[in-house]
Amino acid sequence: MQVPLYQVKAEFFRMLGHPVRIRVLELLQHGPVSVRDLLADIEIEPSSLSQQLAVLRRSGIVVSTREGSTVRYELAGGDVADLLRAARRILTELLTGQNQILAELQQADALPQPLPAPR
């Protein structure tokens, strides 16, 4: 039995659904980064980073190369960077809408309130 495409997509987004993995992908958008530099930027335990990198590597989103004792990670393709840029655009639109609603609420709070009718 073949797995439906929507289920495969859901698994893909679940795999992305960890803050450390997202941060790693953001850092890798600009080119290969060593594990040492990832650790310095993310500030988590090496074992935790290793686990998250393993998930990304198994999924095929990132690849690693060894140069002597240094291991560098990079995105396997540019599509992931495009996905992260699209997510930023979507979040910007959503947050802009929320800011507009917040401004309207604050403006309504600043207006003088009518006195309650006498009883």
N, C-alpha and C. Protein backbone atom coordinates (compact mmCIF):
# COMPACT_ATOMS: atom_id res chain seq x y z
N MET A 1 0.85 -1.18 0.00
CA MET A 1 0.00 0.00 0.00
C MET A 1 0.89 1.24 0.00
N GLN A 2 0.63 2.14 -0.90
CA GLN A 2 1.41 3.36 -1.03
C GLN A 2 0.95 4.41 -0.01
N VAL A 3 1.91 5.12 0.57
CA VAL A 3 1.60 6.18 1.54
C VAL A 3 1.12 7.40 0.76
N PRO A 4 0.00 8.00 1.19
CA PRO A 4 -0.50 9.19 0.48
C PRO A 4 0.50 10.34 0.56
N LEU A 5 0.53 11.14 -0.48
CA LEU A 5 1.46 12.26 -0.55
C LEU A 5 1.30 13.22 0.62
N TYR A 6 0.05 13.49 1.03
CA TYR A 6 -0.17 14.41 2.15
C TYR A 6 0.45 13.88 3.44
N GLN A 7 0.49 12.58 3.60
CA GLN A 7 1.11 11.99 4.79
C GLN A 7 2.64 12.13 4.72
N VAL A 8 3.21 11.95 3.54
CA VAL A 8 4.65 12.13 3.36
C VAL A 8 5.02 13.59 3.66
N LYS A 9 4.19 14.53 3.17
CA LYS A 9 4.44 15.94 3.44
C LYS A 9 4.36 16.23 4.93
N ALA A 10 3.39 15.65 5.61
CA ALA A 10 3.24 15.86 7.05
C ALA A 10 4.47 15.34 7.80
N GLU A 11 5.00 14.20 7.39
CA GLU A 11 6.22 13.67 8.00
C GLU A 11 7.40 14.61 7.76
N PHE A 12 7.48 15.17 6.57
CA PHE A 12 8.54 16.12 6.25
C PHE A 12 8.47 17.34 7.17
N PHE A 13 7.28 17.90 7.33
CA PHE A 13 7.15 19.07 8.20
C PHE A 13 7.36 18.72 9.67
N ARG A 14 6.99 17.51 10.08
CA ARG A 14 7.29 17.07 11.45
C ARG A 14 8.79 17.00 11.67
N MET A 15 9.51 16.50 10.66
CA MET A 15 10.96 16.41 10.76
C MET A 15 11.56 17.80 10.92
N LEU A 16 10.99 18.79 10.25
CA LEU A 16 11.49 20.16 10.37
C LEU A 16 11.06 20.81 11.69
N GLY A 17 10.10 20.23 12.35
CA GLY A 17 9.47 20.85 13.51
C GLY A 17 10.25 20.84 14.80
N HIS A 18 11.51 21.17 14.76
CA HIS A 18 12.32 21.27 15.98
C HIS A 18 13.14 22.55 15.88
N PRO A 19 13.13 23.38 16.92
CA PRO A 19 13.84 24.67 16.85
C PRO A 19 15.31 24.55 16.51
N VAL A 20 15.99 23.54 17.02
CA VAL A 20 17.42 23.40 16.73
C VAL A 20 17.62 23.06 15.25
N ARG A 21 16.77 22.22 14.70
CA ARG A 21 16.91 21.87 13.29
C ARG A 21 16.68 23.09 12.41
N ILE A 22 15.67 23.89 12.75
CA ILE A 22 15.41 25.10 11.98
C ILE A 22 16.61 26.04 12.08
N ARG A 23 17.17 26.20 13.27
CA ARG A 23 18.31 27.10 13.44
C ARG A 23 19.52 26.60 12.63
N VAL A 24 19.76 25.30 12.65
CA VAL A 24 20.85 24.73 11.85
C VAL A 24 20.64 25.05 10.38
N LEU A 25 19.44 24.84 9.89
CA LEU A 25 19.16 25.09 8.47
C LEU A 25 19.34 26.57 8.14
N GLU A 26 18.93 27.45 9.05
CA GLU A 26 19.14 28.88 8.82
C GLU A 26 20.63 29.20 8.71
N LEU A 27 21.43 28.62 9.58
CA LEU A 27 22.87 28.88 9.56
C LEU A 27 23.53 28.31 8.31
N LEU A 28 22.99 27.22 7.80
CA LEU A 28 23.59 26.58 6.63
C LEU A 28 23.18 27.23 5.32
N GLN A 29 22.23 28.16 5.35
CA GLN A 29 21.79 28.83 4.12
C GLN A 29 22.92 29.58 3.43
N HIS A 30 23.92 29.99 4.20
CA HIS A 30 24.99 30.83 3.66
C HIS A 30 26.22 30.02 3.27
N GLY A 31 26.14 28.70 3.34
CA GLY A 31 27.26 27.86 2.97
C GLY A 31 27.63 26.90 4.07
N PRO A 32 28.63 26.05 3.81
CA PRO A 32 29.03 25.04 4.80
C PRO A 32 29.47 25.67 6.12
N VAL A 33 29.13 24.98 7.21
CA VAL A 33 29.48 25.44 8.55
C VAL A 33 30.02 24.25 9.33
N SER A 34 31.09 24.49 10.07
CA SER A 34 31.67 23.41 10.89
C SER A 34 30.81 23.16 12.11
N VAL A 35 30.93 21.97 12.66
CA VAL A 35 30.19 21.62 13.86
C VAL A 35 30.58 22.56 14.99
N ARG A 36 31.84 22.90 15.09
CA ARG A 36 32.31 23.82 16.13
C ARG A 36 31.58 25.16 16.03
N ASP A 37 31.45 25.69 14.82
CA ASP A 37 30.75 26.96 14.64
C ASP A 37 29.26 26.83 14.91
N LEU A 38 28.66 25.71 14.54
CA LEU A 38 27.25 25.48 14.86
C LEU A 38 27.04 25.47 16.36
N LEU A 39 27.93 24.78 17.07
CA LEU A 39 27.83 24.74 18.53
C LEU A 39 27.95 26.13 19.14
N ALA A 40 28.85 26.95 18.61
CA ALA A 40 29.04 28.30 19.13
C ALA A 40 27.79 29.16 18.90
N ASP A 41 27.15 28.99 17.75
CA ASP A 41 25.98 29.81 17.42
C ASP A 41 24.71 29.34 18.12
N ILE A 42 24.57 28.04 18.29
CA ILE A 42 23.33 27.50 18.83
C ILE A 42 23.39 27.33 20.35
N GLU A 43 24.56 27.12 20.89
CA GLU A 43 24.77 26.99 22.33
C GLU A 43 23.90 25.89 22.96
N ILE A 44 24.10 24.67 22.46
CA ILE A 44 23.49 23.50 23.08
C ILE A 44 24.58 22.48 23.29
N GLU A 45 24.24 21.42 23.98
CA GLU A 45 25.20 20.34 24.23
C GLU A 45 25.58 19.68 22.91
N PRO A 46 26.85 19.30 22.78
CA PRO A 46 27.28 18.64 21.55
C PRO A 46 26.45 17.40 21.21
N SER A 47 26.07 16.62 22.21
CA SER A 47 25.29 15.42 21.93
C SER A 47 23.91 15.76 21.37
N SER A 48 23.30 16.85 21.85
CA SER A 48 22.00 17.27 21.33
C SER A 48 22.12 17.74 19.88
N LEU A 49 23.16 18.51 19.60
CA LEU A 49 23.37 18.95 18.22
C LEU A 49 23.62 17.76 17.31
N SER A 50 24.40 16.81 17.78
CA SER A 50 24.70 15.62 17.00
C SER A 50 23.42 14.87 16.64
N GLN A 51 22.51 14.75 17.60
CA GLN A 51 21.24 14.06 17.35
C GLN A 51 20.43 14.79 16.28
N GLN A 52 20.37 16.12 16.38
CA GLN A 52 19.57 16.89 15.43
C GLN A 52 20.20 16.86 14.03
N LEU A 53 21.52 16.92 13.98
CA LEU A 53 22.21 16.82 12.69
C LEU A 53 21.98 15.46 12.05
N ALA A 54 21.94 14.42 12.88
CA ALA A 54 21.70 13.07 12.36
C ALA A 54 20.31 12.97 11.72
N VAL A 55 19.32 13.60 12.34
CA VAL A 55 17.96 13.59 11.78
C VAL A 55 17.97 14.29 10.42
N LEU A 56 18.62 15.45 10.35
CA LEU A 56 18.67 16.19 9.09
C LEU A 56 19.45 15.44 8.02
N ARG A 57 20.52 14.78 8.44
CA ARG A 57 21.34 14.02 7.48
C ARG A 57 20.56 12.81 6.96
N ARG A 58 19.89 12.08 7.85
CA ARG A 58 19.09 10.91 7.42
C ARG A 58 17.98 11.30 6.46
N SER A 59 17.44 12.50 6.66
CA SER A 59 16.34 12.95 5.79
C SER A 59 16.85 13.38 4.42
N GLY A 60 18.17 13.59 4.31
CA GLY A 60 18.75 14.00 3.04
C GLY A 60 18.77 15.50 2.82
N ILE A 61 18.38 16.27 3.84
CA ILE A 61 18.34 17.73 3.72
C ILE A 61 19.73 18.34 3.84
N VAL A 62 20.58 17.72 4.66
CA VAL A 62 21.95 18.22 4.79
C VAL A 62 22.92 17.08 4.48
N VAL A 63 24.13 17.48 4.11
CA VAL A 63 25.21 16.52 3.89
C VAL A 63 26.41 16.99 4.70
N SER A 64 27.27 16.05 5.05
CA SER A 64 28.45 16.39 5.82
C SER A 64 29.71 15.98 5.05
N THR A 65 30.77 16.73 5.30
CA THR A 65 32.08 16.40 4.75
C THR A 65 33.10 16.55 5.86
N ARG A 66 34.10 15.71 5.82
CA ARG A 66 35.16 15.75 6.82
C ARG A 66 36.42 16.28 6.18
N GLU A 67 37.02 17.27 6.83
CA GLU A 67 38.30 17.84 6.41
C GLU A 67 39.24 17.70 7.60
N GLY A 68 40.02 16.64 7.62
CA GLY A 68 40.86 16.36 8.79
C GLY A 68 39.98 16.02 9.97
N SER A 69 40.11 16.78 11.05
CA SER A 69 39.27 16.53 12.23
C SER A 69 38.01 17.41 12.23
N THR A 70 37.85 18.24 11.20
CA THR A 70 36.70 19.15 11.13
C THR A 70 35.60 18.54 10.27
N VAL A 71 34.39 18.54 10.81
CA VAL A 71 33.22 18.09 10.05
C VAL A 71 32.40 19.32 9.73
N ARG A 72 32.08 19.47 8.45
CA ARG A 72 31.27 20.60 7.98
C ARG A 72 29.95 20.06 7.44
N TYR A 73 28.92 20.83 7.68
CA TYR A 73 27.59 20.51 7.16
C TYR A 73 27.17 21.57 6.18
N GLU A 74 26.38 21.14 5.20
CA GLU A 74 25.81 22.09 4.25
C GLU A 74 24.48 21.56 3.76
N LEU A 75 23.67 22.47 3.22
CA LEU A 75 22.39 22.07 2.66
C LEU A 75 22.63 21.20 1.44
N ALA A 76 21.80 20.18 1.29
CA ALA A 76 21.94 19.28 0.15
C ALA A 76 21.48 19.95 -1.14
N GLY A 77 20.64 20.97 -1.03
CA GLY A 77 20.15 21.70 -2.21
C GLY A 77 19.59 23.03 -1.80
N GLY A 78 19.31 23.87 -2.77
CA GLY A 78 18.82 25.21 -2.49
C GLY A 78 17.35 25.30 -2.14
N ASP A 79 16.62 24.22 -2.37
CA ASP A 79 15.18 24.25 -2.10
C ASP A 79 14.86 24.49 -0.63
N VAL A 80 15.69 23.98 0.27
CA VAL A 80 15.45 24.18 1.70
C VAL A 80 15.59 25.66 2.05
N ALA A 81 16.59 26.33 1.49
CA ALA A 81 16.75 27.77 1.72
C ALA A 81 15.53 28.52 1.18
N ASP A 82 15.01 28.09 0.03
CA ASP A 82 13.80 28.72 -0.52
C ASP A 82 12.62 28.52 0.42
N LEU A 83 12.50 27.33 0.99
CA LEU A 83 11.42 27.04 1.93
C LEU A 83 11.52 27.93 3.16
N LEU A 84 12.73 28.11 3.69
CA LEU A 84 12.91 28.97 4.86
C LEU A 84 12.58 30.43 4.53
N ARG A 85 12.94 30.89 3.35
CA ARG A 85 12.60 32.26 2.93
C ARG A 85 11.08 32.41 2.80
N ALA A 86 10.43 31.39 2.24
CA ALA A 86 8.97 31.43 2.12
C ALA A 86 8.32 31.47 3.51
N ALA A 87 8.84 30.70 4.44
CA ALA A 87 8.31 30.71 5.80
C ALA A 87 8.46 32.09 6.44
N ARG A 88 9.60 32.75 6.21
CA ARG A 88 9.80 34.10 6.74
C ARG A 88 8.78 35.08 6.14
N ARG A 89 8.53 34.96 4.84
CA ARG A 89 7.55 35.84 4.20
C ARG A 89 6.16 35.62 4.78
N ILE A 90 5.78 34.36 4.95
CA ILE A 90 4.46 34.03 5.50
C ILE A 90 4.34 34.56 6.92
N LEU A 91 5.37 34.34 7.74
CA LEU A 91 5.34 34.82 9.12
C LEU A 91 5.29 36.34 9.18
N THR A 92 6.00 37.00 8.28
CA THR A 92 5.98 38.46 8.24
C THR A 92 4.57 38.96 7.95
N GLU A 93 3.90 38.32 6.99
CA GLU A 93 2.52 38.71 6.67
C GLU A 93 1.59 38.46 7.84
N LEU A 94 1.74 37.30 8.48
CA LEU A 94 0.87 36.99 9.62
C LEU A 94 1.08 37.96 10.77
N LEU A 95 2.34 38.25 11.08
CA LEU A 95 2.64 39.14 12.19
C LEU A 95 2.25 40.58 11.87
N THR A 96 2.36 40.97 10.61
CA THR A 96 1.92 42.31 10.22
C THR A 96 0.42 42.44 10.46
N GLY A 97 -0.33 41.42 10.08
CA GLY A 97 -1.76 41.42 10.33
C GLY A 97 -2.08 41.51 11.81
N GLN A 98 -1.32 40.80 12.63
CA GLN A 98 -1.54 40.84 14.07
C GLN A 98 -1.19 42.22 14.62
N ASN A 99 -0.14 42.84 14.10
CA ASN A 99 0.22 44.19 14.55
C ASN A 99 -0.87 45.19 14.20
N GLN A 100 -1.51 45.03 13.04
CA GLN A 100 -2.60 45.92 12.67
C GLN A 100 -3.77 45.78 13.63
N ILE A 101 -4.09 44.54 13.98
CA ILE A 101 -5.18 44.30 14.93
C ILE A 101 -4.82 44.88 16.29
N LEU A 102 -3.58 44.67 16.73
CA LEU A 102 -3.12 45.23 18.00
C LEU A 102 -3.23 46.75 18.00
N ALA A 103 -2.83 47.39 16.92
CA ALA A 103 -2.90 48.85 16.83
C ALA A 103 -4.35 49.31 16.91
N GLU A 104 -5.26 48.59 16.26
CA GLU A 104 -6.68 48.95 16.31
C GLU A 104 -7.21 48.80 17.73
N LEU A 105 -6.83 47.72 18.41
CA LEU A 105 -7.26 47.53 19.80
C LEU A 105 -6.72 48.63 20.70
N GLN A 106 -5.45 48.97 20.52
CA GLN A 106 -4.86 50.03 21.34
C GLN A 106 -5.53 51.37 21.06
N GLN A 107 -5.85 51.62 19.80
CA GLN A 107 -6.52 52.86 19.44
C GLN A 107 -7.91 52.91 20.08
N ALA A 108 -8.61 51.78 20.05
CA ALA A 108 -9.95 51.73 20.65
C ALA A 108 -9.86 51.95 22.15
N ASP A 109 -8.83 51.42 22.79
CA ASP A 109 -8.65 51.62 24.24
C ASP A 109 -8.33 53.07 24.57
N ALA A 110 -7.72 53.79 23.63
CA ALA A 110 -7.33 55.17 23.88
C ALA A 110 -8.51 56.13 23.73
N LEU A 111 -9.57 55.70 23.05
CA LEU A 111 -10.74 56.56 22.88
C LEU A 111 -11.48 56.68 24.20
N PRO A 112 -12.07 57.85 24.47
CA PRO A 112 -12.84 57.98 25.71
C PRO A 112 -14.02 57.01 25.69
N GLN A 113 -14.23 56.37 26.78
CA GLN A 113 -15.31 55.40 26.90
C GLN A 113 -16.59 56.12 27.34
N PRO A 114 -17.72 55.76 26.76
CA PRO A 114 -18.97 56.40 27.19
C PRO A 114 -19.29 56.04 28.64
N LEU A 115 -19.90 56.97 29.32
CA LEU A 115 -20.31 56.71 30.71
C LEU A 115 -21.49 55.73 30.69
N PRO A 116 -21.54 54.89 31.71
CA PRO A 116 -22.68 53.96 31.76
C PRO A 116 -23.98 54.72 31.98
N ALA A 117 -25.03 54.21 31.40
CA ALA A 117 -26.35 54.84 31.54
C ALA A 117 -26.80 54.74 32.98
N PRO A 118 -27.45 55.80 33.49
CA PRO A 118 -27.94 55.73 34.89
C PRO A 118 -29.02 54.67 34.99
N ARG A 119 -29.12 54.10 36.16
CA ARG A 119 -30.10 53.03 36.38
C ARG A 119 -31.31 53.54 37.04
